[in-house]
Amino acid sequence: MDYKIFRVPVLNFVFRTSKTIPIASAKDDPQQLEKAYDEIAKALRNGDLVGIFPEGRITDNGGFIHSAPALHVSSRARRSR
């Protein structure tokens, strides 16, 4: 979930309760990105399920847009085991 949405008070409660991990792009906030990677790795080590939803949008023809950053998060979390 985009880290900026966590600043909205009511939504912050909902996201924290559901264990959503805030994430930022390296350009927006590199420290927040590293913190998200650490939290993802910790959750995976604890046996939790981590859903990674690709950024971007649906293409004009309804196809999927490749998302390398999500794959990076997944592979990085595995290496930290």
PDB file of N, CA and C in Angstrom:
ATOM      1  N   MET A   1       0.846  -1.170   0.000  1.00  0.00           N
ATOM      2  CA  MET A   1       0.000   0.000   0.000  1.00  0.00           C
ATOM      3  C   MET A   1       0.895   1.237   0.000  1.00  0.00           C
ATOM      4  N   ASP A   2       0.542   2.218  -0.798  1.00  0.00           N
ATOM      5  CA  ASP A   2       1.308   3.461  -0.864  1.00  0.00           C
ATOM      6  C   ASP A   2       1.363   4.097   0.525  1.00  0.00           C
ATOM      7  N   TYR A   3       2.566   4.411   0.958  1.00  0.00           N
ATOM      8  CA  TYR A   3       2.778   4.927   2.308  1.00  0.00           C
ATOM      9  C   TYR A   3       2.023   6.229   2.577  1.00  0.00           C
ATOM     10  N   LYS A   4       1.726   6.997   1.551  1.00  0.00           N
ATOM     11  CA  LYS A   4       1.035   8.279   1.749  1.00  0.00           C
ATOM     12  C   LYS A   4      -0.395   8.083   2.259  1.00  0.00           C
ATOM     13  N   ILE A   5      -1.022   6.982   1.866  1.00  0.00           N
ATOM     14  CA  ILE A   5      -2.395   6.716   2.300  1.00  0.00           C
ATOM     15  C   ILE A   5      -2.436   6.424   3.793  1.00  0.00           C
ATOM     16  N   PHE A   6      -1.335   5.940   4.351  1.00  0.00           N
ATOM     17  CA  PHE A   6      -1.300   5.653   5.784  1.00  0.00           C
ATOM     18  C   PHE A   6      -1.438   6.917   6.638  1.00  0.00           C
ATOM     19  N   ARG A   7      -1.273   8.069   6.050  1.00  0.00           N
ATOM     20  CA  ARG A   7      -1.400   9.328   6.792  1.00  0.00           C
ATOM     21  C   ARG A   7      -2.850   9.723   7.043  1.00  0.00           C
ATOM     22  N   VAL A   8      -3.788   9.107   6.358  1.00  0.00           N
ATOM     23  CA  VAL A   8      -5.217   9.400   6.542  1.00  0.00           C
ATOM     24  C   VAL A   8      -5.670   8.668   7.806  1.00  0.00           C
ATOM     25  N   PRO A   9      -6.117   9.403   8.838  1.00  0.00           N
ATOM     26  CA  PRO A   9      -6.385   8.806  10.147  1.00  0.00           C
ATOM     27  C   PRO A   9      -7.269   7.555  10.154  1.00  0.00           C
ATOM     28  N   VAL A  10      -8.429   7.584   9.583  1.00  0.00           N
ATOM     29  CA  VAL A  10      -9.318   6.417   9.633  1.00  0.00           C
ATOM     30  C   VAL A  10      -8.730   5.262   8.826  1.00  0.00           C
ATOM     31  N   LEU A  11      -8.190   5.556   7.662  1.00  0.00           N
ATOM     32  CA  LEU A  11      -7.588   4.514   6.839  1.00  0.00           C
ATOM     33  C   LEU A  11      -6.362   3.915   7.516  1.00  0.00           C
ATOM     34  N   ASN A  12      -5.612   4.728   8.231  1.00  0.00           N
ATOM     35  CA  ASN A  12      -4.445   4.242   8.950  1.00  0.00           C
ATOM     36  C   ASN A  12      -4.837   3.125   9.907  1.00  0.00           C
ATOM     37  N   PHE A  13      -5.921   3.311  10.640  1.00  0.00           N
ATOM     38  CA  PHE A  13      -6.395   2.290  11.571  1.00  0.00           C
ATOM     39  C   PHE A  13      -6.754   1.000  10.828  1.00  0.00           C
ATOM     40  N   VAL A  14      -7.478   1.137   9.743  1.00  0.00           N
ATOM     41  CA  VAL A  14      -7.900  -0.041   8.965  1.00  0.00           C
ATOM     42  C   VAL A  14      -6.679  -0.787   8.431  1.00  0.00           C
ATOM     43  N   PHE A  15      -5.729  -0.069   7.867  1.00  0.00           N
ATOM     44  CA  PHE A  15      -4.556  -0.714   7.283  1.00  0.00           C
ATOM     45  C   PHE A  15      -3.675  -1.362   8.348  1.00  0.00           C
ATOM     46  N   ARG A  16      -3.477  -0.687   9.479  1.00  0.00           N
ATOM     47  CA  ARG A  16      -2.670  -1.280  10.550  1.00  0.00           C
ATOM     48  C   ARG A  16      -3.332  -2.531  11.096  1.00  0.00           C
ATOM     49  N   THR A  17      -4.650  -2.498  11.251  1.00  0.00           N
ATOM     50  CA  THR A  17      -5.391  -3.643  11.769  1.00  0.00           C
ATOM     51  C   THR A  17      -5.275  -4.846  10.837  1.00  0.00           C
ATOM     52  N   SER A  18      -5.234  -4.598   9.541  1.00  0.00           N
ATOM     53  CA  SER A  18      -5.135  -5.689   8.571  1.00  0.00           C
ATOM     54  C   SER A  18      -3.682  -6.048   8.224  1.00  0.00           C
ATOM     55  N   LYS A  19      -2.743  -5.464   8.964  1.00  0.00           N
ATOM     56  CA  LYS A  19      -1.308  -5.743   8.795  1.00  0.00           C
ATOM     57  C   LYS A  19      -0.784  -5.384   7.406  1.00  0.00           C
ATOM     58  N   THR A  20      -1.339  -4.334   6.837  1.00  0.00           N
ATOM     59  CA  THR A  20      -0.864  -3.845   5.547  1.00  0.00           C
ATOM     60  C   THR A  20       0.514  -3.204   5.731  1.00  0.00           C
ATOM     61  N   ILE A  21       1.413  -3.427   4.806  1.00  0.00           N
ATOM     62  CA  ILE A  21       2.764  -2.875   4.882  1.00  0.00           C
ATOM     63  C   ILE A  21       2.863  -1.677   3.944  1.00  0.00           C
ATOM     64  N   PRO A  22       3.123  -0.489   4.514  1.00  0.00           N
ATOM     65  CA  PRO A  22       3.272   0.686   3.649  1.00  0.00           C
ATOM     66  C   PRO A  22       4.579   0.612   2.862  1.00  0.00           C
ATOM     67  N   ILE A  23       4.527   1.043   1.612  1.00  0.00           N
ATOM     68  CA  ILE A  23       5.717   0.992   0.762  1.00  0.00           C
ATOM     69  C   ILE A  23       5.801   2.276  -0.065  1.00  0.00           C
ATOM     70  N   ALA A  24       7.010   2.647  -0.411  1.00  0.00           N
ATOM     71  CA  ALA A  24       7.247   3.842  -1.233  1.00  0.00           C
ATOM     72  C   ALA A  24       8.205   3.468  -2.342  1.00  0.00           C
ATOM     73  N   SER A  25       8.234   4.274  -3.367  1.00  0.00           N
ATOM     74  CA  SER A  25       9.232   4.046  -4.413  1.00  0.00           C
ATOM     75  C   SER A  25      10.584   4.543  -3.901  1.00  0.00           C
ATOM     76  N   ALA A  26      11.643   4.065  -4.511  1.00  0.00           N
ATOM     77  CA  ALA A  26      12.990   4.502  -4.127  1.00  0.00           C
ATOM     78  C   ALA A  26      13.153   5.993  -4.369  1.00  0.00           C
ATOM     79  N   LYS A  27      12.450   6.507  -5.349  1.00  0.00           N
ATOM     80  CA  LYS A  27      12.522   7.935  -5.662  1.00  0.00           C
ATOM     81  C   LYS A  27      11.814   8.776  -4.593  1.00  0.00           C
ATOM     82  N   ASP A  28      10.633   8.319  -4.147  1.00  0.00           N
ATOM     83  CA  ASP A  28       9.858   9.075  -3.158  1.00  0.00           C
ATOM     84  C   ASP A  28      10.470   9.038  -1.764  1.00  0.00           C
ATOM     85  N   ASP A  29      10.808   7.833  -1.290  1.00  0.00           N
ATOM     86  CA  ASP A  29      11.291   7.694   0.086  1.00  0.00           C
ATOM     87  C   ASP A  29      12.082   6.391   0.216  1.00  0.00           C
ATOM     88  N   PRO A  30      13.386   6.430  -0.060  1.00  0.00           N
ATOM     89  CA  PRO A  30      14.192   5.214  -0.020  1.00  0.00           C
ATOM     90  C   PRO A  30      14.204   4.523   1.346  1.00  0.00           C
ATOM     91  N   GLN A  31      14.119   5.298   2.419  1.00  0.00           N
ATOM     92  CA  GLN A  31      14.094   4.701   3.757  1.00  0.00           C
ATOM     93  C   GLN A  31      12.801   3.925   3.990  1.00  0.00           C
ATOM     94  N   GLN A  32      11.681   4.463   3.536  1.00  0.00           N
ATOM     95  CA  GLN A  32      10.407   3.760   3.673  1.00  0.00           C
ATOM     96  C   GLN A  32      10.419   2.479   2.852  1.00  0.00           C
ATOM     97  N   LEU A  33      11.041   2.514   1.694  1.00  0.00           N
ATOM     98  CA  LEU A  33      11.150   1.326   0.849  1.00  0.00           C
ATOM     99  C   LEU A  33      11.952   0.237   1.557  1.00  0.00           C
ATOM    100  N   GLU A  34      13.082   0.592   2.138  1.00  0.00           N
ATOM    101  CA  GLU A  34      13.901  -0.379   2.873  1.00  0.00           C
ATOM    102  C   GLU A  34      13.141  -0.947   4.065  1.00  0.00           C
ATOM    103  N   LYS A  35      12.412  -0.085   4.770  1.00  0.00           N
ATOM    104  CA  LYS A  35      11.613  -0.548   5.907  1.00  0.00           C
ATOM    105  C   LYS A  35      10.551  -1.547   5.442  1.00  0.00           C
ATOM    106  N   ALA A  36       9.930  -1.284   4.307  1.00  0.00           N
ATOM    107  CA  ALA A  36       8.929  -2.201   3.763  1.00  0.00           C
ATOM    108  C   ALA A  36       9.574  -3.541   3.409  1.00  0.00           C
ATOM    109  N   TYR A  37      10.744  -3.519   2.779  1.00  0.00           N
ATOM    110  CA  TYR A  37      11.447  -4.761   2.460  1.00  0.00           C
ATOM    111  C   TYR A  37      11.720  -5.563   3.729  1.00  0.00           C
ATOM    112  N   ASP A  38      12.169  -4.879   4.763  1.00  0.00           N
ATOM    113  CA  ASP A  38      12.454  -5.559   6.034  1.00  0.00           C
ATOM    114  C   ASP A  38      11.193  -6.173   6.633  1.00  0.00           C
ATOM    115  N   GLU A  39      10.085  -5.439   6.594  1.00  0.00           N
ATOM    116  CA  GLU A  39       8.826  -5.954   7.142  1.00  0.00           C
ATOM    117  C   GLU A  39       8.307  -7.137   6.327  1.00  0.00           C
ATOM    118  N   ILE A  40       8.461  -7.085   5.015  1.00  0.00           N
ATOM    119  CA  ILE A  40       8.052  -8.204   4.162  1.00  0.00           C
ATOM    120  C   ILE A  40       8.885  -9.442   4.478  1.00  0.00           C
ATOM    121  N   ALA A  41      10.193  -9.274   4.581  1.00  0.00           N
ATOM    122  CA  ALA A  41      11.075 -10.400   4.891  1.00  0.00           C
ATOM    123  C   ALA A  41      10.734 -10.998   6.254  1.00  0.00           C
ATOM    124  N   LYS A  42      10.476 -10.146   7.232  1.00  0.00           N
ATOM    125  CA  LYS A  42      10.115 -10.622   8.573  1.00  0.00           C
ATOM    126  C   LYS A  42       8.809 -11.422   8.531  1.00  0.00           C
ATOM    127  N   ALA A  43       7.826 -10.906   7.821  1.00  0.00           N
ATOM    128  CA  ALA A  43       6.539 -11.603   7.720  1.00  0.00           C
ATOM    129  C   ALA A  43       6.720 -12.974   7.072  1.00  0.00           C
ATOM    130  N   LEU A  44       7.511 -13.050   6.015  1.00  0.00           N
ATOM    131  CA  LEU A  44       7.748 -14.333   5.346  1.00  0.00           C
ATOM    132  C   LEU A  44       8.503 -15.309   6.246  1.00  0.00           C
ATOM    133  N   ARG A  45       9.485 -14.806   6.973  1.00  0.00           N
ATOM    134  CA  ARG A  45      10.214 -15.678   7.906  1.00  0.00           C
ATOM    135  C   ARG A  45       9.289 -16.230   8.985  1.00  0.00           C
ATOM    136  N   ASN A  46       8.290 -15.449   9.374  1.00  0.00           N
ATOM    137  CA  ASN A  46       7.330 -15.872  10.394  1.00  0.00           C
ATOM    138  C   ASN A  46       6.241 -16.776   9.822  1.00  0.00           C
ATOM    139  N   GLY A  47       6.314 -17.046   8.537  1.00  0.00           N
ATOM    140  CA  GLY A  47       5.331 -17.927   7.910  1.00  0.00           C
ATOM    141  C   GLY A  47       4.047 -17.234   7.497  1.00  0.00           C
ATOM    142  N   ASP A  48       4.034 -15.916   7.550  1.00  0.00           N
ATOM    143  CA  ASP A  48       2.846 -15.172   7.126  1.00  0.00           C
ATOM    144  C   ASP A  48       2.759 -15.132   5.603  1.00  0.00           C
ATOM    145  N   LEU A  49       1.565 -14.990   5.120  1.00  0.00           N
ATOM    146  CA  LEU A  49       1.324 -14.830   3.691  1.00  0.00           C
ATOM    147  C   LEU A  49       1.445 -13.348   3.349  1.00  0.00           C
ATOM    148  N   VAL A  50       2.233 -13.032   2.338  1.00  0.00           N
ATOM    149  CA  VAL A  50       2.401 -11.644   1.904  1.00  0.00           C
ATOM    150  C   VAL A  50       1.895 -11.527   0.472  1.00  0.00           C
ATOM    151  N   GLY A  51       0.875 -10.713   0.278  1.00  0.00           N
ATOM    152  CA  GLY A  51       0.357 -10.462  -1.060  1.00  0.00           C
ATOM    153  C   GLY A  51       1.046  -9.256  -1.656  1.00  0.00           C
ATOM    154  N   ILE A  52       1.546  -9.410  -2.850  1.00  0.00           N
ATOM    155  CA  ILE A  52       2.209  -8.307  -3.540  1.00  0.00           C
ATOM    156  C   ILE A  52       1.391  -7.979  -4.777  1.00  0.00           C
ATOM    157  N   PHE A  53       0.886  -6.765  -4.814  1.00  0.00           N
ATOM    158  CA  PHE A  53       0.053  -6.337  -5.922  1.00  0.00           C
ATOM    159  C   PHE A  53       0.857  -5.392  -6.794  1.00  0.00           C
ATOM    160  N   PRO A  54       0.968  -5.687  -8.066  1.00  0.00           N
ATOM    161  CA  PRO A  54       1.791  -4.865  -8.949  1.00  0.00           C
ATOM    162  C   PRO A  54       1.270  -3.441  -9.088  1.00  0.00           C
ATOM    163  N   GLU A  55       2.216  -2.546  -9.212  1.00  0.00           N
ATOM    164  CA  GLU A  55       1.840  -1.153  -9.426  1.00  0.00           C
ATOM    165  C   GLU A  55       1.479  -0.943 -10.884  1.00  0.00           C
ATOM    166  N   GLY A  56       0.981   0.196 -11.161  1.00  0.00           N
ATOM    167  CA  GLY A  56       0.670   0.512 -12.553  1.00  0.00           C
ATOM    168  C   GLY A  56      -0.819   0.532 -12.804  1.00  0.00           C
ATOM    169  N   ARG A  57      -1.181   0.153 -13.995  1.00  0.00           N
ATOM    170  CA  ARG A  57      -2.584   0.215 -14.382  1.00  0.00           C
ATOM    171  C   ARG A  57      -2.882  -0.917 -15.352  1.00  0.00           C
ATOM    172  N   ILE A  58      -4.144  -1.082 -15.638  1.00  0.00           N
ATOM    173  CA  ILE A  58      -4.553  -2.047 -16.648  1.00  0.00           C
ATOM    174  C   ILE A  58      -4.286  -1.421 -18.014  1.00  0.00           C
ATOM    175  N   THR A  59      -3.799  -2.214 -18.922  1.00  0.00           N
ATOM    176  CA  THR A  59      -3.538  -1.698 -20.266  1.00  0.00           C
ATOM    177  C   THR A  59      -4.852  -1.397 -20.980  1.00  0.00           C
ATOM    178  N   ASP A  60      -4.754  -0.681 -22.062  1.00  0.00           N
ATOM    179  CA  ASP A  60      -5.944  -0.329 -22.837  1.00  0.00           C
ATOM    180  C   ASP A  60      -6.677  -1.560 -23.368  1.00  0.00           C
ATOM    181  N   ASN A  61      -5.932  -2.649 -23.589  1.00  0.00           N
ATOM    182  CA  ASN A  61      -6.575  -3.868 -24.095  1.00  0.00           C
ATOM    183  C   ASN A  61      -6.885  -4.869 -22.979  1.00  0.00           C
ATOM    184  N   GLY A  62      -6.700  -4.462 -21.708  1.00  0.00           N
ATOM    185  CA  GLY A  62      -7.026  -5.329 -20.568  1.00  0.00           C
ATOM    186  C   GLY A  62      -5.923  -6.286 -20.174  1.00  0.00           C
ATOM    187  N   GLY A  63      -4.778  -6.198 -20.829  1.00  0.00           N
ATOM    188  CA  GLY A  63      -3.655  -7.079 -20.518  1.00  0.00           C
ATOM    189  C   GLY A  63      -2.919  -6.648 -19.253  1.00  0.00           C
ATOM    190  N   PHE A  64      -2.001  -7.473 -18.833  1.00  0.00           N
ATOM    191  CA  PHE A  64      -1.224  -7.221 -17.627  1.00  0.00           C
ATOM    192  C   PHE A  64       0.069  -6.500 -17.971  1.00  0.00           C
ATOM    193  N   ILE A  65       0.449  -5.533 -17.156  1.00  0.00           N
ATOM    194  CA  ILE A  65       1.718  -4.827 -17.333  1.00  0.00           C
ATOM    195  C   ILE A  65       2.744  -5.491 -16.425  1.00  0.00           C
ATOM    196  N   HIS A  66       3.882  -5.901 -16.975  1.00  0.00           N
ATOM    197  CA  HIS A  66       4.938  -6.552 -16.195  1.00  0.00           C
ATOM    198  C   HIS A  66       5.381  -5.639 -15.051  1.00  0.00           C
ATOM    199  N   SER A  67       5.609  -6.213 -13.876  1.00  0.00           N
ATOM    200  CA  SER A  67       5.985  -5.425 -12.711  1.00  0.00           C
ATOM    201  C   SER A  67       7.267  -5.946 -12.088  1.00  0.00           C
ATOM    202  N   ALA A  68       8.387  -5.462 -12.526  1.00  0.00           N
ATOM    203  CA  ALA A  68       9.670  -5.897 -11.983  1.00  0.00           C
ATOM    204  C   ALA A  68       9.852  -5.560 -10.516  1.00  0.00           C
ATOM    205  N   PRO A  69       9.404  -4.371 -10.010  1.00  0.00           N
ATOM    206  CA  PRO A  69       9.607  -4.081  -8.591  1.00  0.00           C
ATOM    207  C   PRO A  69       8.984  -5.126  -7.663  1.00  0.00           C
ATOM    208  N   ALA A  70       7.816  -5.652  -7.989  1.00  0.00           N
ATOM    209  CA  ALA A  70       7.195  -6.664  -7.136  1.00  0.00           C
ATOM    210  C   ALA A  70       8.035  -7.934  -7.116  1.00  0.00           C
ATOM    211  N   LEU A  71       8.603  -8.293  -8.246  1.00  0.00           N
ATOM    212  CA  LEU A  71       9.458  -9.469  -8.295  1.00  0.00           C
ATOM    213  C   LEU A  71      10.714  -9.242  -7.485  1.00  0.00           C
ATOM    214  N   HIS A  72      11.227  -8.038  -7.496  1.00  0.00           N
ATOM    215  CA  HIS A  72      12.414  -7.696  -6.712  1.00  0.00           C
ATOM    216  C   HIS A  72      12.135  -7.879  -5.231  1.00  0.00           C
ATOM    217  N   VAL A  73      10.993  -7.419  -4.760  1.00  0.00           N
ATOM    218  CA  VAL A  73      10.634  -7.558  -3.347  1.00  0.00           C
ATOM    219  C   VAL A  73      10.576  -9.030  -2.977  1.00  0.00           C
ATOM    220  N   SER A  74       9.943  -9.833  -3.793  1.00  0.00           N
ATOM    221  CA  SER A  74       9.785 -11.254  -3.515  1.00  0.00           C
ATOM    222  C   SER A  74      11.136 -11.955  -3.441  1.00  0.00           C
ATOM    223  N   SER A  75      12.006 -11.699  -4.380  1.00  0.00           N
ATOM    224  CA  SER A  75      13.301 -12.387  -4.384  1.00  0.00           C
ATOM    225  C   SER A  75      14.179 -11.894  -3.245  1.00  0.00           C
ATOM    226  N   ARG A  76      14.101 -10.640  -2.908  1.00  0.00           N
ATOM    227  CA  ARG A  76      14.896 -10.107  -1.814  1.00  0.00           C
ATOM    228  C   ARG A  76      14.462 -10.713  -0.488  1.00  0.00           C
ATOM    229  N   ALA A  77      13.173 -10.872  -0.289  1.00  0.00           N
ATOM    230  CA  ALA A  77      12.658 -11.452   0.955  1.00  0.00           C
ATOM    231  C   ALA A  77      13.133 -12.893   1.097  1.00  0.00           C
ATOM    232  N   ARG A  78      13.195 -13.629   0.012  1.00  0.00           N
ATOM    233  CA  ARG A  78      13.663 -15.018   0.079  1.00  0.00           C
ATOM    234  C   ARG A  78      15.128 -15.095   0.461  1.00  0.00           C
ATOM    235  N   ARG A  79      15.945 -14.190  -0.058  1.00  0.00           N
ATOM    236  CA  ARG A  79      17.379 -14.207   0.247  1.00  0.00           C
ATOM    237  C   ARG A  79      17.643 -13.909   1.711  1.00  0.00           C
ATOM    238  N   SER A  80      16.733 -13.220   2.387  1.00  0.00           N
ATOM    239  CA  SER A  80      16.989 -12.815   3.766  1.00  0.00           C
ATOM    240  C   SER A  80      16.645 -13.901   4.780  1.00  0.00           C
ATOM    241  N   ARG A  81      16.181 -15.036   4.316  1.00  0.00           N
ATOM    242  CA  ARG A  81      15.816 -16.138   5.235  1.00  0.00           C
ATOM    243  C   ARG A  81      16.984 -16.662   5.996  1.00  0.00           C
TER     244      ARG A  81
END
